[in-house]
Amino acid sequence: MENKFLAHIAEDGREQTVFEHLAGAASLSAEFSRPFGGEAQGLLAGTAHDIGKYSAAFQRRLTGDSRRVDHATAGAFECMGRGQPFAAFAVAGHHGGLPDGGGRGDGPEAATFWGRIKRAGRGGLEPYGAWAREVSLPGGQPPPFAKQNPGAGMFFIRMLYSCLVAADFLDTEAFMSGKPRGSCSGCWKKKAPSIRPL
């Protein structure tokens, strides 16, 4: 029997696999990113964000091991390996906030984005390779505005990050509560009339 990799275990004992969580979060992240042209990057970030949970260390943590497991850097590292820095930054920060970028010269001990990527590249993460048997990371380019200048790129990362964090939270909340969450299609249109200038 093949190992089952879990993302969450509810108080009543229900289990959500990593694959199920990634599918739910990716769908929501893509949907939330669509209004600003970031759907492809939203799908990638949502799919990659928790692939580090495919490690034996994370599975032990779910069942009571108190040791901390860095699962976010794994997805960021995989995105960077595919030339997707926008999604990589969003994934790296999906639990602790967007990281300080640092610089390419940062060592693997640095807590910066580049330090974390370097640490992953040198084998400094718990092995998580089982993800590749269940998940395929989608491609896709960011919207053209994101590449206009550094400021636009940083703004896009923040928007993408917000969509990913919301998608991750909502999918987890729906599983933990046992109440499936419906689509959020048109959420902004429905709420837009209530937004008024001061």
Protein backbone atom coordinates (compact mmCIF):
# COMPACT_ATOMS: atom_id res chain seq x y z
CA MET A 1 0.00 0.00 0.00
CA GLU A 2 1.29 3.42 -0.96
CA ASN A 3 1.77 6.11 1.68
CA LYS A 4 -1.05 8.58 2.15
CA PHE A 5 0.21 12.12 2.62
CA LEU A 6 -2.04 14.30 4.74
CA ALA A 7 -2.37 18.06 4.86
CA HIS A 8 -4.79 18.27 7.79
CA ILE A 9 -6.49 16.10 10.39
CA ALA A 10 -9.72 17.45 11.89
CA GLU A 11 -10.61 17.09 15.56
CA ASP A 12 -13.20 14.44 14.64
CA GLY A 13 -10.51 12.37 12.88
CA ARG A 14 -11.38 13.27 9.28
CA GLU A 15 -8.34 13.50 7.03
CA GLN A 16 -7.58 15.78 4.10
CA THR A 17 -4.80 14.63 1.81
CA VAL A 18 -2.21 17.05 0.53
CA PHE A 19 -3.48 16.42 -2.99
CA GLU A 20 -7.07 17.34 -2.01
CA HIS A 21 -5.90 20.50 -0.25
CA LEU A 22 -3.68 21.58 -3.14
CA ALA A 23 -6.53 21.06 -5.61
CA GLY A 24 -8.93 23.15 -3.51
CA ALA A 25 -6.49 25.93 -2.74
CA ALA A 26 -5.23 26.10 -6.34
CA SER A 27 -8.75 26.45 -7.69
CA LEU A 28 -9.56 29.28 -5.27
CA SER A 29 -6.22 31.02 -5.74
CA ALA A 30 -6.67 31.02 -9.52
CA GLU A 31 -10.22 32.31 -9.17
CA PHE A 32 -9.20 35.10 -6.81
CA SER A 33 -6.30 36.11 -9.11
CA ARG A 34 -8.39 36.21 -12.28
CA PRO A 35 -9.67 39.82 -11.98
CA PHE A 36 -6.13 41.24 -12.31
CA GLY A 37 -4.86 38.79 -14.94
CA GLY A 38 -2.98 36.59 -12.48
CA GLU A 39 -5.01 33.39 -12.86
CA ALA A 40 -2.10 31.28 -14.19
CA GLN A 41 0.20 32.43 -11.38
CA GLY A 42 -2.58 31.92 -8.83
CA LEU A 43 -3.04 28.35 -10.04
CA LEU A 44 0.71 27.71 -9.83
CA ALA A 45 1.07 29.23 -6.35
CA GLY A 46 -1.96 27.34 -5.05
CA THR A 47 -0.68 24.07 -6.46
CA ALA A 48 2.86 24.53 -5.13
CA HIS A 49 2.25 26.10 -1.73
CA ASP A 50 2.12 22.95 0.40
CA ILE A 51 4.15 20.38 -1.54
CA GLY A 52 6.61 20.39 1.36
CA LYS A 53 3.91 18.51 3.31
CA TYR A 54 4.87 15.48 1.23
CA SER A 55 7.74 14.91 3.69
CA ALA A 56 7.85 12.22 6.36
CA ALA A 57 8.82 14.91 8.86
CA PHE A 58 5.64 16.89 8.21
CA GLN A 59 3.54 13.75 8.44
CA ARG A 60 5.07 13.06 11.87
CA ARG A 61 4.28 16.64 12.91
CA LEU A 62 0.62 16.09 12.06
CA THR A 63 0.52 13.16 14.45
CA GLY A 64 2.17 14.87 17.39
CA ASP A 65 5.87 15.45 16.73
CA SER A 66 6.56 18.98 17.96
CA ARG A 67 9.51 19.71 15.69
CA ARG A 68 8.95 22.56 13.26
CA VAL A 69 8.99 21.65 9.55
CA ASP A 70 9.60 24.26 6.86
CA HIS A 71 7.13 23.15 4.20
CA ALA A 72 6.72 26.50 2.41
CA THR A 73 10.27 26.74 1.07
CA ALA A 74 9.83 23.50 -0.88
CA GLY A 75 7.11 24.98 -3.09
CA ALA A 76 9.03 28.24 -3.49
CA PHE A 77 12.13 26.30 -4.55
CA GLU A 78 10.15 24.32 -7.14
CA CYS A 79 8.63 27.53 -8.54
CA MET A 80 12.06 29.16 -8.79
CA GLY A 81 13.39 26.09 -10.59
CA ARG A 82 10.70 26.70 -13.20
CA GLY A 83 11.59 30.38 -13.60
CA GLN A 84 8.54 31.60 -11.67
CA PRO A 85 9.80 34.12 -9.07
CA PHE A 86 6.43 35.83 -8.51
CA ALA A 87 4.73 32.60 -7.44
CA ALA A 88 7.86 31.59 -5.51
CA PHE A 89 7.74 34.69 -3.30
CA ALA A 90 4.01 34.24 -2.63
CA VAL A 91 4.51 30.57 -1.73
CA ALA A 92 7.53 31.30 0.50
CA GLY A 93 5.46 33.71 2.55
CA HIS A 94 2.11 31.97 2.72
CA HIS A 95 2.40 31.31 6.49
CA GLY A 96 4.87 33.82 7.88
CA GLY A 97 4.38 36.80 5.59
CA LEU A 98 6.33 37.83 2.53
CA PRO A 99 10.02 37.29 3.24
CA ASP A 100 12.81 39.82 2.94
CA GLY A 101 14.24 39.09 -0.49
CA GLY A 102 17.83 39.51 0.58
CA GLY A 103 20.33 38.97 -2.22
CA ARG A 104 21.70 36.15 -4.33
CA GLY A 105 24.86 36.24 -2.22
CA ASP A 106 23.00 35.28 0.97
CA GLY A 107 24.17 32.06 2.55
CA PRO A 108 21.88 29.10 3.25
CA GLU A 109 21.69 30.09 6.93
CA ALA A 110 20.01 33.42 6.07
CA ALA A 111 16.29 33.75 6.75
CA THR A 112 15.85 35.75 3.53
CA PHE A 113 14.12 34.46 0.42
CA TRP A 114 17.46 33.84 -1.32
CA GLY A 115 18.89 32.17 1.79
CA ARG A 116 15.93 29.81 1.92
CA ILE A 117 16.19 29.01 -1.80
CA LYS A 118 19.90 28.33 -1.40
CA ARG A 119 19.23 26.09 1.63
CA ALA A 120 16.69 24.10 -0.40
CA GLY A 121 19.12 23.80 -3.29
CA ARG A 122 21.75 22.35 -0.98
CA GLY A 123 19.42 19.71 0.41
CA GLY A 124 18.59 21.61 3.59
CA LEU A 125 14.89 20.70 3.59
CA GLU A 126 13.22 17.50 4.70
CA PRO A 127 12.88 15.25 1.60
CA TYR A 128 9.52 15.93 -0.07
CA GLY A 129 9.98 14.30 -3.49
CA ALA A 130 6.82 12.18 -3.22
CA TRP A 131 4.85 15.20 -4.45
CA ALA A 132 5.92 14.50 -8.03
CA ARG A 133 3.97 11.20 -8.05
CA GLU A 134 0.66 13.01 -7.44
CA VAL A 135 1.03 16.61 -8.54
CA SER A 136 2.08 18.37 -11.71
CA LEU A 137 2.92 22.05 -11.40
CA PRO A 138 1.21 24.17 -14.06
CA GLY A 139 3.07 26.73 -16.10
CA GLY A 140 1.85 30.15 -16.97
CA GLN A 141 3.14 33.65 -17.19
CA PRO A 142 2.31 36.62 -14.98
CA PRO A 143 0.25 39.43 -16.50
CA PRO A 144 2.27 41.89 -18.62
CA PHE A 145 1.96 44.73 -16.08
CA ALA A 146 3.91 42.72 -13.51
CA LYS A 147 7.04 42.90 -15.66
CA GLN A 148 6.86 46.63 -16.44
CA ASN A 149 9.14 47.70 -13.59
CA PRO A 150 10.25 46.49 -10.15
CA GLY A 151 7.44 48.37 -8.38
CA ALA A 152 4.78 46.72 -10.54
CA GLY A 153 6.37 43.33 -9.90
CA MET A 154 6.35 43.88 -6.14
CA PHE A 155 2.73 45.01 -6.27
CA PHE A 156 1.78 41.89 -8.25
CA ILE A 157 3.55 39.65 -5.72
CA ARG A 158 1.52 41.24 -2.91
CA MET A 159 -1.74 40.73 -4.79
CA LEU A 160 -0.85 37.12 -5.64
CA TYR A 161 0.24 36.49 -2.04
CA SER A 162 -3.10 37.81 -0.74
CA CYS A 163 -5.03 35.52 -3.08
CA LEU A 164 -2.95 32.50 -2.06
CA VAL A 165 -3.27 33.16 1.67
CA ALA A 166 -7.05 33.60 1.36
CA ALA A 167 -7.37 30.44 -0.74
CA ASP A 168 -5.26 28.39 1.68
CA PHE A 169 -7.25 29.63 4.67
CA LEU A 170 -10.66 29.13 3.07
CA ASP A 171 -9.91 25.61 1.85
CA THR A 172 -8.53 24.65 5.27
CA GLU A 173 -11.48 26.25 7.06
CA ALA A 174 -13.99 24.43 4.84
CA PHE A 175 -12.30 21.09 5.54
CA MET A 176 -11.93 21.62 9.29
CA SER A 177 -15.54 22.75 9.68
CA GLY A 178 -16.86 19.94 7.49
CA LYS A 179 -18.88 22.45 5.50
CA PRO A 180 -17.90 22.68 1.83
CA ARG A 181 -17.37 26.21 0.64
CA GLY A 182 -18.99 27.28 -2.59
CA SER A 183 -17.37 29.19 -5.39
CA CYS A 184 -16.46 32.81 -4.85
CA SER A 185 -17.01 33.78 -8.46
CA GLY A 186 -17.97 37.41 -8.63
CA CYS A 187 -17.16 38.19 -4.97
CA TRP A 188 -15.75 41.61 -5.88
CA LYS A 189 -18.67 42.55 -8.08
CA LYS A 190 -21.15 41.70 -5.34
CA LYS A 191 -19.31 43.79 -2.76
CA ALA A 192 -18.17 46.67 -4.95
CA PRO A 193 -21.31 48.84 -4.50
CA SER A 194 -20.76 48.93 -0.73
CA ILE A 195 -17.28 50.44 -1.16
CA ARG A 196 -17.54 54.21 -1.11
CA PRO A 197 -14.84 56.88 -1.09
CA LEU A 198 -14.32 58.71 2.21
